[in-house]
Protein backbone atom coordinates (compact mmCIF):
# COMPACT_ATOMS: atom_id res chain seq x y z
CA UNK A 1 38.89 66.33 124.33
CA UNK A 2 39.22 66.23 120.54
CA UNK A 3 40.38 69.84 120.52
CA UNK A 4 43.13 69.00 123.06
CA UNK A 5 44.36 66.12 120.89
CA UNK A 6 44.30 68.36 117.82
CA UNK A 7 46.38 71.00 119.65
CA UNK A 8 48.95 68.37 120.72
CA UNK A 9 49.10 67.04 117.17
CA UNK A 10 49.68 70.54 115.76
CA UNK A 11 52.36 71.26 118.39
CA UNK A 12 54.07 67.98 117.54
CA UNK A 13 54.11 68.84 113.84
CA UNK A 14 55.40 72.37 114.52
CA UNK A 15 58.18 71.11 116.78
CA UNK A 16 59.26 68.51 114.23
CA UNK A 17 59.18 71.05 111.42
CA UNK A 18 61.19 73.53 113.48
CA UNK A 19 63.73 70.81 114.30
CA UNK A 20 64.12 69.93 110.60
CA UNK A 21 64.59 73.62 109.72
CA UNK A 22 67.22 74.12 112.45
CA UNK A 23 69.16 70.98 111.46
CA UNK A 24 69.03 71.96 107.78
CA UNK A 25 70.21 75.48 108.55
CA UNK A 26 73.11 74.19 110.66
CA UNK A 27 74.14 71.74 107.93
CA UNK A 28 74.15 74.52 105.32
CA UNK A 29 76.01 76.93 107.59
CA UNK A 30 78.75 74.47 108.51
CA UNK A 31 79.38 73.04 105.04
CA UNK A 32 81.19 76.07 103.51
CA UNK A 33 83.44 76.53 106.53
CA UNK A 34 84.46 72.88 106.42
CA UNK A 35 85.37 73.27 102.74
CA UNK A 36 87.29 76.46 103.46
CA UNK A 37 89.31 74.71 106.15
CA UNK A 38 90.16 71.86 103.80
CA UNK A 39 91.27 74.29 101.08
CA UNK A 40 93.49 76.29 103.44
CA UNK A 41 95.38 73.33 104.85
CA UNK A 42 97.79 73.24 101.89
CA UNK A 43 98.52 76.95 101.83
CA UNK A 44 101.02 78.99 103.81
CA UNK A 45 99.54 80.84 106.80
CA UNK A 46 99.54 84.25 105.12
CA UNK A 47 96.64 86.58 105.86
CA UNK A 48 96.97 89.75 103.81
CA UNK A 49 94.11 92.23 103.78
CA UNK A 50 92.64 92.67 100.29
CA UNK A 51 92.13 96.10 98.74
CA UNK A 52 90.11 96.74 95.64
CA UNK A 53 92.02 97.89 92.59
CA UNK A 54 90.81 100.18 89.86
CA UNK A 55 91.73 98.28 86.71
CA UNK A 56 89.31 97.34 83.98
CA UNK A 57 88.24 93.76 83.35
CA UNK A 58 90.47 93.35 80.27
CA UNK A 59 93.60 94.25 82.23
CA UNK A 60 92.56 91.96 85.08
CA UNK A 61 91.99 89.05 82.71
CA UNK A 62 95.38 89.61 81.06
CA UNK A 63 97.11 89.87 84.43
CA UNK A 64 95.40 86.72 85.70
CA UNK A 65 96.44 84.79 82.61
CA UNK A 66 100.07 85.85 82.94
CA UNK A 67 100.45 84.95 86.65
CA UNK A 68 101.21 81.54 88.01
CA UNK A 69 99.71 80.09 91.22
CA UNK A 70 102.55 81.35 93.40
CA UNK A 71 101.45 84.99 93.19
CA UNK A 72 98.19 86.66 94.18
CA UNK A 73 96.25 87.91 91.18
CA UNK A 74 94.97 91.13 92.75
CA UNK A 75 96.84 93.89 94.51
CA UNK A 76 96.55 93.63 98.27
CA UNK A 77 97.08 96.19 101.03
CA UNK A 78 99.58 95.34 103.77
CA UNK A 79 100.17 97.54 106.80
CA UNK A 80 103.10 97.52 109.16
CA UNK A 81 106.50 99.04 109.77
CA UNK A 82 109.43 98.99 107.35
CA UNK A 83 112.43 97.45 109.13
CA UNK A 84 115.87 96.24 108.12
CA UNK A 85 116.64 92.55 108.72
CA UNK A 86 119.77 90.75 107.53
CA UNK A 87 120.61 93.64 105.22
CA UNK A 88 117.17 93.64 103.57
CA UNK A 89 114.22 95.98 104.00
CA UNK A 90 111.10 94.11 105.12
CA UNK A 91 107.55 94.93 106.20
CA UNK A 92 106.61 93.73 109.69
CA UNK A 93 102.87 93.42 110.33
CA UNK A 94 102.21 93.71 114.10
CA UNK A 95 98.67 92.33 113.80
CA UNK A 96 99.44 89.09 111.95
CA UNK A 97 103.04 88.87 113.24
CA UNK A 98 104.14 88.30 109.64
CA UNK A 99 107.30 89.62 108.01
CA UNK A 100 107.20 90.24 104.25
CA UNK A 101 110.17 90.73 101.94
CA UNK A 102 109.92 93.85 99.77
CA UNK A 103 111.02 93.63 96.15
CA UNK A 104 111.89 97.31 95.61
CA UNK A 105 114.58 97.97 98.20
CA UNK A 106 115.15 101.56 96.99
CA UNK A 107 111.49 102.47 97.60
CA UNK A 108 111.43 100.66 100.94
CA UNK A 109 114.59 102.43 102.18
CA UNK A 110 112.77 105.79 102.08
CA UNK A 111 110.28 104.52 104.69
CA UNK A 112 112.70 102.84 107.12
CA UNK A 113 111.21 102.80 110.63
CA UNK A 114 107.89 104.29 109.50
CA UNK A 115 104.41 102.81 109.75
CA UNK A 116 103.21 102.32 106.17
CA UNK A 117 100.57 100.83 103.91
CA UNK A 118 102.11 98.86 101.03
CA UNK A 119 99.91 97.98 98.08
CA UNK A 120 101.16 95.18 95.88
CA UNK A 121 101.01 91.57 94.82
CA UNK A 122 102.23 88.86 97.16
CA UNK A 123 104.44 86.06 95.88
CA UNK A 124 103.47 83.33 98.29
CA UNK A 125 106.45 81.04 97.70
CA UNK A 126 108.99 83.68 98.68
CA UNK A 127 106.65 85.78 100.88
CA UNK A 128 107.69 88.83 98.83
CA UNK A 129 105.47 91.81 98.09
CA UNK A 130 105.83 93.21 94.56
CA UNK A 131 105.36 96.87 95.51
CA UNK A 132 102.91 98.99 93.52
CA UNK A 133 102.79 101.85 96.07
CA UNK A 134 103.83 102.78 99.58
CA UNK A 135 102.27 105.48 101.74
CA UNK A 136 102.87 106.47 105.35
CA UNK A 137 100.23 105.84 107.99
CA UNK A 138 99.65 107.94 111.08
């Protein structure tokens, strides 16, 4: 009889411990996503795909210091098709349904109608990509 009570007591402790672990894990897992949602509420719904750049840390620090908050600090990769809208060449991303202005119209003109990958910095206020490179995609 004492062994049965001991087994029940151990099971009770294990169940309570497991419950505490699960609740703690859920609290930790949900906290960062709640903060991320709060931080994104004030920003424009732009979802560019980041691409790593090959600059050294000194250049990155200098670039970060010279940029204001309206422009991304790292070069990003955007894919889509170069189109002409209202007399301007733009990049249309079929996945995100976003249209980006392109700052270098002469470069963009060469890729009119083609599927491309544009690497550059995004100015969020004007939704303009400062083109660093453009390459065709298959």
